[in-house]
C-alpha atoms as a PDB file:
ATOM      1  CA  UNK A   1       3.508  -0.541   1.395  1.00  0.00           C
ATOM      2  CA  UNK A   2       4.649   2.525  -0.453  1.00  0.00           C
ATOM      3  CA  UNK A   3       8.029   2.822  -2.135  1.00  0.00           C
ATOM      4  CA  UNK A   4       9.957   4.407  -4.976  1.00  0.00           C
ATOM      5  CA  UNK A   5      13.013   3.472  -6.999  1.00  0.00           C
ATOM      6  CA  UNK A   6      14.605   5.308  -9.917  1.00  0.00           C
ATOM      7  CA  UNK A   7      17.748   4.617 -11.968  1.00  0.00           C
ATOM      8  CA  UNK A   8      19.039   6.457 -15.047  1.00  0.00           C
ATOM      9  CA  UNK A   9      21.724   5.083 -17.364  1.00  0.00           C
ATOM     10  CA  UNK A  10      23.390   6.535 -20.448  1.00  0.00           C
ATOM     11  CA  UNK A  11      23.951   4.380 -23.528  1.00  0.00           C
ATOM     12  CA  UNK A  12      25.852   5.430 -26.675  1.00  0.00           C
ATOM     13  CA  UNK A  13      22.766   6.905 -28.371  1.00  0.00           C
ATOM     14  CA  UNK A  14      20.154   7.229 -25.637  1.00  0.00           C
ATOM     15  CA  UNK A  15      19.470   7.877 -21.986  1.00  0.00           C
ATOM     16  CA  UNK A  16      17.190   5.340 -20.305  1.00  0.00           C
ATOM     17  CA  UNK A  17      15.320   5.967 -17.046  1.00  0.00           C
ATOM     18  CA  UNK A  18      13.646   3.173 -15.077  1.00  0.00           C
ATOM     19  CA  UNK A  19      11.075   4.163 -12.430  1.00  0.00           C
ATOM     20  CA  UNK A  20       9.193   1.874 -10.048  1.00  0.00           C
ATOM     21  CA  UNK A  21       6.460   3.236  -7.747  1.00  0.00           C
ATOM     22  CA  UNK A  22       4.411   1.242  -5.241  1.00  0.00           C
ATOM     23  CA  UNK A  23       1.291   2.092  -3.236  1.00  0.00           C
ATOM     24  CA  UNK A  24      -0.708   0.065  -0.713  1.00  0.00           C
ATOM     25  CA  UNK A  25      -2.710  -2.892  -1.984  1.00  0.00           C
ATOM     26  CA  UNK A  26      -3.719  -6.289  -0.600  1.00  0.00           C
ATOM     27  CA  UNK A  27      -2.431  -8.037  -3.727  1.00  0.00           C
ATOM     28  CA  UNK A  28       0.202  -7.307  -6.353  1.00  0.00           C
ATOM     29  CA  UNK A  29      -1.307  -5.077  -9.051  1.00  0.00           C
ATOM     30  CA  UNK A  30       1.423  -4.465 -11.628  1.00  0.00           C
ATOM     31  CA  UNK A  31       1.234  -1.913 -14.458  1.00  0.00           C
ATOM     32  CA  UNK A  32       4.114  -1.794 -16.980  1.00  0.00           C
ATOM     33  CA  UNK A  33       4.770   1.025 -19.463  1.00  0.00           C
ATOM     34  CA  UNK A  34       7.741   0.462 -21.774  1.00  0.00           C
ATOM     35  CA  UNK A  35       8.798   1.604 -25.275  1.00  0.00           C
ATOM     36  CA  UNK A  36       7.828  -0.686 -28.149  1.00  0.00           C
ATOM     37  CA  UNK A  37      11.439  -1.738 -28.733  1.00  0.00           C
ATOM     38  CA  UNK A  38      11.407  -3.506 -25.343  1.00  0.00           C
ATOM     39  CA  UNK A  39       7.973  -5.130 -25.716  1.00  0.00           C
ATOM     40  CA  UNK A  40       9.474  -8.568 -26.322  1.00  0.00           C
ATOM     41  CA  UNK A  41      11.022  -8.351 -22.839  1.00  0.00           C
ATOM     42  CA  UNK A  42       7.821  -7.403 -21.025  1.00  0.00           C
ATOM     43  CA  UNK A  43       7.261 -10.876 -19.555  1.00  0.00           C
ATOM     44  CA  UNK A  44      10.811 -10.947 -18.247  1.00  0.00           C
ATOM     45  CA  UNK A  45      10.324  -7.479 -16.740  1.00  0.00           C
ATOM     46  CA  UNK A  46       7.105  -8.610 -15.045  1.00  0.00           C
ATOM     47  CA  UNK A  47       8.784 -11.752 -13.755  1.00  0.00           C
ATOM     48  CA  UNK A  48      11.659  -9.767 -12.229  1.00  0.00           C
ATOM     49  CA  UNK A  49       9.226  -7.371 -10.575  1.00  0.00           C
ATOM     50  CA  UNK A  50       7.001 -10.114  -9.152  1.00  0.00           C
ATOM     51  CA  UNK A  51      10.030 -11.852  -7.620  1.00  0.00           C
ATOM     52  CA  UNK A  52      11.128  -8.651  -5.920  1.00  0.00           C
ATOM     53  CA  UNK A  53       7.671  -7.442  -4.764  1.00  0.00           C
ATOM     54  CA  UNK A  54       4.833  -9.488  -3.284  1.00  0.00           C
ATOM     55  CA  UNK A  55       2.142  -6.844  -2.660  1.00  0.00           C
ATOM     56  CA  UNK A  56       1.242  -3.333  -3.721  1.00  0.00           C
ATOM     57  CA  UNK A  57      -0.140  -1.332  -6.621  1.00  0.00           C
ATOM     58  CA  UNK A  58       3.058  -1.091  -8.667  1.00  0.00           C
ATOM     59  CA  UNK A  59       3.701   1.211 -11.644  1.00  0.00           C
ATOM     60  CA  UNK A  60       6.837   0.412 -13.632  1.00  0.00           C
ATOM     61  CA  UNK A  61       7.935   2.765 -16.404  1.00  0.00           C
ATOM     62  CA  UNK A  62      10.871   2.891 -18.794  1.00  0.00           C
ATOM     63  CA  UNK A  63      11.594   6.207 -20.548  1.00  0.00           C
ATOM     64  CA  UNK A  64      14.006   6.827 -23.450  1.00  0.00           C
ATOM     65  CA  UNK A  65      15.679  10.100 -24.360  1.00  0.00           C
ATOM     66  CA  UNK A  66      17.656  10.049 -27.603  1.00  0.00           C
ATOM     67  CA  UNK A  67      21.071  11.725 -27.276  1.00  0.00           C
ATOM     68  CA  UNK A  68      22.684  10.417 -30.468  1.00  0.00           C
ATOM     69  CA  UNK A  69      23.352  12.394 -33.649  1.00  0.00           C
ATOM     70  CA  UNK A  70      20.944  10.424 -35.784  1.00  0.00           C
ATOM     71  CA  UNK A  71      17.183  10.835 -35.718  1.00  0.00           C
ATOM     72  CA  UNK A  72      14.955   7.814 -35.387  1.00  0.00           C
ATOM     73  CA  UNK A  73      12.690   9.284 -38.103  1.00  0.00           C
ATOM     74  CA  UNK A  74      13.647   9.683 -41.792  1.00  0.00           C
ATOM     75  CA  UNK A  75      12.031  11.428 -44.742  1.00  0.00           C
ATOM     76  CA  UNK A  76      10.641   9.149 -47.441  1.00  0.00           C
ATOM     77  CA  UNK A  77      12.225  10.956 -50.364  1.00  0.00           C
ATOM     78  CA  UNK A  78      10.424   8.988 -53.089  1.00  0.00           C
ATOM     79  CA  UNK A  79       7.015   9.890 -51.688  1.00  0.00           C
ATOM     80  CA  UNK A  80       7.990  13.557 -51.264  1.00  0.00           C
ATOM     81  CA  UNK A  81       9.102  13.707 -54.932  1.00  0.00           C
ATOM     82  CA  UNK A  82       5.872  12.086 -56.046  1.00  0.00           C
ATOM     83  CA  UNK A  83       3.815  14.644 -54.035  1.00  0.00           C
ATOM     84  CA  UNK A  84       5.890  17.471 -55.550  1.00  0.00           C
ATOM     85  CA  UNK A  85       5.352  16.218 -59.110  1.00  0.00           C
ATOM     86  CA  UNK A  86       1.598  16.036 -58.495  1.00  0.00           C
ATOM     87  CA  UNK A  87       1.558  19.555 -57.003  1.00  0.00           C
ATOM     88  CA  UNK A  88       3.581  20.874 -59.952  1.00  0.00           C
ATOM     89  CA  UNK A  89       1.172  19.317 -62.458  1.00  0.00           C
ATOM     90  CA  UNK A  90      -1.822  20.683 -60.531  1.00  0.00           C
ATOM     91  CA  UNK A  91      -0.254  24.151 -60.372  1.00  0.00           C
ATOM     92  CA  UNK A  92       0.306  24.241 -64.156  1.00  0.00           C
ATOM     93  CA  UNK A  93      -3.243  23.073 -64.772  1.00  0.00           C
ATOM     94  CA  UNK A  94      -4.713  25.731 -62.457  1.00  0.00           C
ATOM     95  CA  UNK A  95      -2.278  28.466 -63.505  1.00  0.00           C
ATOM     96  CA  UNK A  96      -0.836  28.814 -59.991  1.00  0.00           C
ATOM     97  CA  UNK A  97       2.832  29.290 -59.108  1.00  0.00           C
ATOM     98  CA  UNK A  98       4.827  26.208 -58.225  1.00  0.00           C
ATOM     99  CA  UNK A  99       6.444  26.187 -54.716  1.00  0.00           C
ATOM    100  CA  UNK A 100       9.835  27.748 -55.402  1.00  0.00           C
ATOM    101  CA  UNK A 101      11.665  27.500 -52.057  1.00  0.00           C
ATOM    102  CA  UNK A 102      11.842  25.303 -48.988  1.00  0.00           C
ATOM    103  CA  UNK A 103       9.697  27.667 -46.927  1.00  0.00           C
ATOM    104  CA  UNK A 104       6.826  27.148 -49.395  1.00  0.00           C
ATOM    105  CA  UNK A 105       7.450  23.454 -49.907  1.00  0.00           C
ATOM    106  CA  UNK A 106       7.779  22.402 -46.214  1.00  0.00           C
ATOM    107  CA  UNK A 107       4.039  21.684 -46.104  1.00  0.00           C
ATOM    108  CA  UNK A 108       4.944  18.542 -48.085  1.00  0.00           C
ATOM    109  CA  UNK A 109       6.310  17.069 -44.842  1.00  0.00           C
ATOM    110  CA  UNK A 110       2.794  17.041 -43.406  1.00  0.00           C
ATOM    111  CA  UNK A 111       1.468  14.763 -46.117  1.00  0.00           C
ATOM    112  CA  UNK A 112       0.735  11.138 -45.234  1.00  0.00           C
ATOM    113  CA  UNK A 113       3.618   8.641 -45.133  1.00  0.00           C
ATOM    114  CA  UNK A 114       6.303  11.295 -45.688  1.00  0.00           C
ATOM    115  CA  UNK A 115       7.948  10.734 -42.299  1.00  0.00           C
ATOM    116  CA  UNK A 116       8.984   7.184 -41.492  1.00  0.00           C
ATOM    117  CA  UNK A 117      10.046   5.892 -38.088  1.00  0.00           C
ATOM    118  CA  UNK A 118      13.009   3.600 -38.314  1.00  0.00           C
ATOM    119  CA  UNK A 119      12.356   0.297 -36.609  1.00  0.00           C
ATOM    120  CA  UNK A 120      14.902  -0.341 -33.873  1.00  0.00           C
ATOM    121  CA  UNK A 121      16.213  -3.790 -33.140  1.00  0.00           C
ATOM    122  CA  UNK A 122      16.845  -4.631 -29.507  1.00  0.00           C
ATOM    123  CA  UNK A 123      20.528  -4.959 -28.791  1.00  0.00           C
ATOM    124  CA  UNK A 124      21.312  -7.637 -26.201  1.00  0.00           C
ATOM    125  CA  UNK A 125      24.128  -5.584 -24.693  1.00  0.00           C
ATOM    126  CA  UNK A 126      21.730  -2.668 -24.340  1.00  0.00           C
ATOM    127  CA  UNK A 127      19.105  -4.926 -22.793  1.00  0.00           C
ATOM    128  CA  UNK A 128      21.675  -6.196 -20.279  1.00  0.00           C
ATOM    129  CA  UNK A 129      22.318  -2.625 -19.120  1.00  0.00           C
ATOM    130  CA  UNK A 130      18.583  -1.883 -18.854  1.00  0.00           C
ATOM    131  CA  UNK A 131      17.986  -5.128 -16.980  1.00  0.00           C
ATOM    132  CA  UNK A 132      20.622  -4.126 -14.439  1.00  0.00           C
ATOM    133  CA  UNK A 133      19.006  -0.695 -14.133  1.00  0.00           C
ATOM    134  CA  UNK A 134      15.657  -2.389 -13.413  1.00  0.00           C
ATOM    135  CA  UNK A 135      17.308  -4.605 -10.780  1.00  0.00           C
ATOM    136  CA  UNK A 136      18.833  -1.551  -9.109  1.00  0.00           C
ATOM    137  CA  UNK A 137      15.532   0.389  -9.201  1.00  0.00           C
ATOM    138  CA  UNK A 138      13.685  -2.531  -7.580  1.00  0.00           C
ATOM    139  CA  UNK A 139      16.420  -2.783  -4.938  1.00  0.00           C
ATOM    140  CA  UNK A 140      16.000   0.914  -4.131  1.00  0.00           C
ATOM    141  CA  UNK A 141      12.242   0.459  -3.779  1.00  0.00           C
ATOM    142  CA  UNK A 142      12.737  -2.530  -1.468  1.00  0.00           C
ATOM    143  CA  UNK A 143      15.237  -0.529   0.599  1.00  0.00           C
ATOM    144  CA  UNK A 144      12.661   2.271   0.831  1.00  0.00           C
ATOM    145  CA  UNK A 145      10.113  -0.257   2.070  1.00  0.00           C
ATOM    146  CA  UNK A 146      12.543  -1.701   4.640  1.00  0.00           C
ATOM    147  CA  UNK A 147      13.074   1.753   6.142  1.00  0.00           C
ATOM    148  CA  UNK A 148       9.330   2.360   6.244  1.00  0.00           C
ATOM    149  CA  UNK A 149       8.840  -1.104   7.752  1.00  0.00           C
ATOM    150  CA  UNK A 150      11.236  -0.329  10.603  1.00  0.00           C
ATOM    151  CA  UNK A 151       9.272   2.825  11.394  1.00  0.00           C
ATOM    152  CA  UNK A 152       6.040   0.807  11.357  1.00  0.00           C
ATOM    153  CA  UNK A 153       7.548  -1.792  13.676  1.00  0.00           C
ATOM    154  CA  UNK A 154       8.440   0.906  16.217  1.00  0.00           C
ATOM    155  CA  UNK A 155       4.904   2.288  15.949  1.00  0.00           C
ATOM    156  CA  UNK A 156       3.308  -1.141  16.447  1.00  0.00           C
ATOM    157  CA  UNK A 157       5.497  -1.952  19.456  1.00  0.00           C
ATOM    158  CA  UNK A 158       4.610   1.397  21.018  1.00  0.00           C
ATOM    159  CA  UNK A 159       0.869   0.884  20.489  1.00  0.00           C
ATOM    160  CA  UNK A 160       0.891  -2.743  21.693  1.00  0.00           C
ATOM    161  CA  UNK A 161       2.743  -1.732  24.854  1.00  0.00           C
ATOM    162  CA  UNK A 162       0.163   1.006  25.437  1.00  0.00           C
ATOM    163  CA  UNK A 163      -2.715  -1.480  25.129  1.00  0.00           C
ATOM    164  CA  UNK A 164      -0.888  -3.828  27.522  1.00  0.00           C
ATOM    165  CA  UNK A 165      -0.521  -1.001  30.029  1.00  0.00           C
ATOM    166  CA  UNK A 166      -4.198  -0.145  29.765  1.00  0.00           C
ATOM    167  CA  UNK A 167      -4.983  -3.818  30.347  1.00  0.00           C
ATOM    168  CA  UNK A 168      -3.125  -3.603  33.660  1.00  0.00           C
ATOM    169  CA  UNK A 169      -5.069  -0.439  34.547  1.00  0.00           C
ATOM    170  CA  UNK A 170      -8.338  -2.382  34.192  1.00  0.00           C
ATOM    171  CA  UNK A 171      -7.560  -4.647  37.164  1.00  0.00           C
ATOM    172  CA  UNK A 172      -8.256  -2.210  40.049  1.00  0.00           C
ATOM    173  CA  UNK A 173     -11.719  -1.478  38.670  1.00  0.00           C
ATOM    174  CA  UNK A 174     -12.784  -5.137  38.660  1.00  0.00           C
ATOM    175  CA  UNK A 175     -13.142  -5.454  42.423  1.00  0.00           C
ATOM    176  CA  UNK A 176     -14.547  -1.950  42.755  1.00  0.00           C
ATOM    177  CA  UNK A 177     -17.364  -2.530  40.281  1.00  0.00           C
ATOM    178  CA  UNK A 178     -18.511  -5.743  42.071  1.00  0.00           C
ATOM    179  CA  UNK A 179     -18.618  -3.852  45.367  1.00  0.00           C
ATOM    180  CA  UNK A 180     -20.519  -1.010  43.691  1.00  0.00           C
ATOM    181  CA  UNK A 181     -23.097  -3.442  42.304  1.00  0.00           C
ATOM    182  CA  UNK A 182     -23.515  -5.041  45.722  1.00  0.00           C
ATOM    183  CA  UNK A 183     -23.919  -1.652  47.397  1.00  0.00           C
ATOM    184  CA  UNK A 184     -26.398  -0.488  44.753  1.00  0.00           C
ATOM    185  CA  UNK A 185     -28.582  -3.556  45.204  1.00  0.00           C
ATOM    186  CA  UNK A 186     -28.564  -3.195  49.011  1.00  0.00           C
ATOM    187  CA  UNK A 187     -29.437   0.507  48.726  1.00  0.00           C
ATOM    188  CA  UNK A 188     -32.355  -0.312  46.461  1.00  0.00           C
ATOM    189  CA  UNK A 189     -33.614  -2.923  48.928  1.00  0.00           C
ATOM    190  CA  UNK A 190     -33.459  -0.403  51.777  1.00  0.00           C
ATOM    191  CA  UNK A 191     -35.145   2.264  49.643  1.00  0.00           C
ATOM    192  CA  UNK A 192     -38.190   0.071  49.120  1.00  0.00           C
ATOM    193  CA  UNK A 193     -38.140  -0.894  52.786  1.00  0.00           C
ATOM    194  CA  UNK A 194     -37.372  -4.552  52.208  1.00  0.00           C
ATOM    195  CA  UNK A 195     -35.109  -5.512  55.120  1.00  0.00           C
ATOM    196  CA  UNK A 196     -36.135  -9.117  55.494  1.00  0.00           C
ATOM    197  CA  UNK A 197     -34.902 -10.645  52.247  1.00  0.00           C
ATOM    198  CA  UNK A 198     -33.587 -14.079  51.294  1.00  0.00           C
ATOM    199  CA  UNK A 199     -29.858 -13.910  51.963  1.00  0.00           C
ATOM    200  CA  UNK A 200     -29.216 -17.048  49.913  1.00  0.00           C
ATOM    201  CA  UNK A 201     -31.040 -15.593  46.923  1.00  0.00           C
ATOM    202  CA  UNK A 202     -29.049 -12.395  47.332  1.00  0.00           C
ATOM    203  CA  UNK A 203     -25.771 -14.331  47.241  1.00  0.00           C
ATOM    204  CA  UNK A 204     -26.955 -16.223  44.149  1.00  0.00           C
ATOM    205  CA  UNK A 205     -27.697 -12.931  42.397  1.00  0.00           C
ATOM    206  CA  UNK A 206     -24.270 -11.603  43.307  1.00  0.00           C
ATOM    207  CA  UNK A 207     -22.609 -14.734  41.933  1.00  0.00           C
ATOM    208  CA  UNK A 208     -24.626 -14.306  38.728  1.00  0.00           C
ATOM    209  CA  UNK A 209     -23.432 -10.719  38.319  1.00  0.00           C
ATOM    210  CA  UNK A 210     -19.840 -11.640  39.115  1.00  0.00           C
ATOM    211  CA  UNK A 211     -19.856 -14.416  36.511  1.00  0.00           C
ATOM    212  CA  UNK A 212     -21.588 -12.209  33.956  1.00  0.00           C
ATOM    213  CA  UNK A 213     -19.096  -9.389  34.417  1.00  0.00           C
ATOM    214  CA  UNK A 214     -15.980 -11.517  34.808  1.00  0.00           C
ATOM    215  CA  UNK A 215     -13.353 -10.469  32.241  1.00  0.00           C
ATOM    216  CA  UNK A 216     -10.469 -12.728  33.192  1.00  0.00           C
ATOM    217  CA  UNK A 217     -10.809 -14.826  30.032  1.00  0.00           C
ATOM    218  CA  UNK A 218     -10.924 -11.741  27.830  1.00  0.00           C
ATOM    219  CA  UNK A 219      -7.874 -10.266  29.570  1.00  0.00           C
ATOM    220  CA  UNK A 220      -5.919 -13.499  29.185  1.00  0.00           C
ATOM    221  CA  UNK A 221      -6.802 -13.861  25.491  1.00  0.00           C
ATOM    222  CA  UNK A 222      -6.021 -10.198  24.774  1.00  0.00           C
ATOM    223  CA  UNK A 223      -2.663 -10.500  26.527  1.00  0.00           C
ATOM    224  CA  UNK A 224      -1.869 -13.567  24.411  1.00  0.00           C
ATOM    225  CA  UNK A 225      -2.857 -11.700  21.226  1.00  0.00           C
ATOM    226  CA  UNK A 226      -0.568  -8.802  22.149  1.00  0.00           C
ATOM    227  CA  UNK A 227       2.399 -11.147  22.597  1.00  0.00           C
ATOM    228  CA  UNK A 228       1.544 -13.052  19.415  1.00  0.00           C
ATOM    229  CA  UNK A 229       1.362  -9.800  17.444  1.00  0.00           C
ATOM    230  CA  UNK A 230       4.863  -8.731  18.516  1.00  0.00           C
ATOM    231  CA  UNK A 231       6.367 -12.153  17.785  1.00  0.00           C
ATOM    232  CA  UNK A 232       4.718 -12.104  14.333  1.00  0.00           C
ATOM    233  CA  UNK A 233       6.049  -8.608  13.587  1.00  0.00           C
ATOM    234  CA  UNK A 234       9.582  -9.884  14.255  1.00  0.00           C
ATOM    235  CA  UNK A 235       9.276 -12.718  11.731  1.00  0.00           C
ATOM    236  CA  UNK A 236      11.256 -12.213   8.514  1.00  0.00           C
ATOM    237  CA  UNK A 237       8.652 -13.480   6.037  1.00  0.00           C
ATOM    238  CA  UNK A 238       5.696 -11.410   4.835  1.00  0.00           C
ATOM    239  CA  UNK A 239       3.039 -11.458   7.592  1.00  0.00           C
ATOM    240  CA  UNK A 240       0.729  -8.553   6.755  1.00  0.00           C
ATOM    241  CA  UNK A 241      -2.447 -10.636   6.419  1.00  0.00           C
ATOM    242  CA  UNK A 242      -1.624 -12.612   9.566  1.00  0.00           C
ATOM    243  CA  UNK A 243      -1.185  -9.416  11.557  1.00  0.00           C
ATOM    244  CA  UNK A 244      -4.546  -8.247  10.210  1.00  0.00           C
ATOM    245  CA  UNK A 245      -6.228 -11.377  11.591  1.00  0.00           C
ATOM    246  CA  UNK A 246      -4.565 -10.901  14.996  1.00  0.00           C
ATOM    247  CA  UNK A 247      -5.768  -7.285  15.109  1.00  0.00           C
ATOM    248  CA  UNK A 248      -9.331  -8.481  14.442  1.00  0.00           C
ATOM    249  CA  UNK A 249      -9.119 -10.889  17.397  1.00  0.00           C
ATOM    250  CA  UNK A 250      -7.705  -8.147  19.618  1.00  0.00           C
ATOM    251  CA  UNK A 251     -10.638  -5.949  18.633  1.00  0.00           C
ATOM    252  CA  UNK A 252     -13.138  -8.647  19.643  1.00  0.00           C
ATOM    253  CA  UNK A 253     -11.623  -9.017  23.112  1.00  0.00           C
ATOM    254  CA  UNK A 254     -11.456  -5.253  23.675  1.00  0.00           C
ATOM    255  CA  UNK A 255     -15.098  -4.877  22.571  1.00  0.00           C
ATOM    256  CA  UNK A 256     -16.134  -7.610  25.012  1.00  0.00           C
ATOM    257  CA  UNK A 257     -14.220  -5.872  27.789  1.00  0.00           C
ATOM    258  CA  UNK A 258     -16.169  -2.729  26.998  1.00  0.00           C
ATOM    259  CA  UNK A 259     -19.541  -4.477  27.008  1.00  0.00           C
ATOM    260  CA  UNK A 260     -18.773  -6.163  30.362  1.00  0.00           C
ATOM    261  CA  UNK A 261     -17.167  -3.156  32.049  1.00  0.00           C
ATOM    262  CA  UNK A 262     -20.398  -1.722  33.521  1.00  0.00           C
ATOM    263  CA  UNK A 263     -18.366   1.116  35.016  1.00  0.00           C
ATOM    264  CA  UNK A 264     -17.498   4.541  33.611  1.00  0.00           C
ATOM    265  CA  UNK A 265     -13.843   4.512  34.680  1.00  0.00           C
ATOM    266  CA  UNK A 266     -13.244   1.074  33.187  1.00  0.00           C
ATOM    267  CA  UNK A 267     -15.043   2.039  29.992  1.00  0.00           C
ATOM    268  CA  UNK A 268     -12.752   5.051  29.601  1.00  0.00           C
ATOM    269  CA  UNK A 269      -9.740   2.744  29.773  1.00  0.00           C
ATOM    270  CA  UNK A 270     -11.332   0.498  27.140  1.00  0.00           C
ATOM    271  CA  UNK A 271     -11.895   3.524  24.873  1.00  0.00           C
ATOM    272  CA  UNK A 272      -8.177   4.291  25.125  1.00  0.00           C
ATOM    273  CA  UNK A 273      -7.427   0.700  24.070  1.00  0.00           C
ATOM    274  CA  UNK A 274      -9.704   1.083  21.055  1.00  0.00           C
ATOM    275  CA  UNK A 275      -7.964   4.309  20.067  1.00  0.00           C
ATOM    276  CA  UNK A 276      -4.551   2.611  20.101  1.00  0.00           C
ATOM    277  CA  UNK A 277      -5.933  -0.344  18.149  1.00  0.00           C
ATOM    278  CA  UNK A 278      -7.451   1.932  15.486  1.00  0.00           C
ATOM    279  CA  UNK A 279      -4.051   3.504  14.900  1.00  0.00           C
ATOM    280  CA  UNK A 280      -2.630   0.023  14.340  1.00  0.00           C
ATOM    281  CA  UNK A 281      -5.438  -0.793  11.897  1.00  0.00           C
ATOM    282  CA  UNK A 282      -4.712   2.357   9.890  1.00  0.00           C
ATOM    283  CA  UNK A 283      -1.149   1.188   9.252  1.00  0.00           C
ATOM    284  CA  UNK A 284      -1.599  -2.578   8.988  1.00  0.00           C
ATOM    285  CA  UNK A 285      -2.141  -2.460   5.202  1.00  0.00           C
ATOM    286  CA  UNK A 286       1.348  -1.027   4.879  1.00  0.00           C
ATOM    287  CA  UNK A 287       2.789  -4.350   6.065  1.00  0.00           C
ATOM    288  CA  UNK A 288       3.621  -6.876   3.350  1.00  0.00           C
END
């Protein structure tokens, strides 16, 4: 199930943004991108995320924007002076002018090891604020999913009701198709001029066709699957995989109805059932 949560907080020297994005996936696939200063808390971040989310391809990112007066990088003055002394000596040896102003000497800053990044220590008070931001971002994502889940529930109920209605529409065709088969067989017998035929054998053949084309069991099982699907949707715990299994069983019964229909009108109703079921299948991965 898709979702998105974002929270931004301002600390004394930095602005921290926590983003959590989720896409559909059968399992939980978690990717975490955080600044190095928070690396020691990565396991705790993962644990918090896994408790809040059970499925989905999840990308969690923490971004820092420095807003303080002090830079996190400093110039290594000793190394700069050493480079300058070496350049001065080289200039005298080669008879070249020594860099006389900052505009000429700024290339020194591009030499190795001149700029040093100050190592930050994680402040527990700061971490507490970031942890709360992560909690709030996850809550927003879950809220997003709940809203999407309610829309999916309405869609599923609509589609299940439609399949149930089509199942009712199948009933009138059941008697008609048996009569059509009987009429077709009698017409064929008359066409070949066979009027004196074994009536008992004819009745046996009709019973065979009736049993072969009987769909009462399929209708009963499909109706039970429809009811079971709705009751499962209303359960509070994660039931995405269970709903997927129920949809598979519904598909089997509808396919059997189609193979036994032996009538164009009934087959058209079955096709409508399949169309509704396909729309359910397209969305079932969005259910946790």
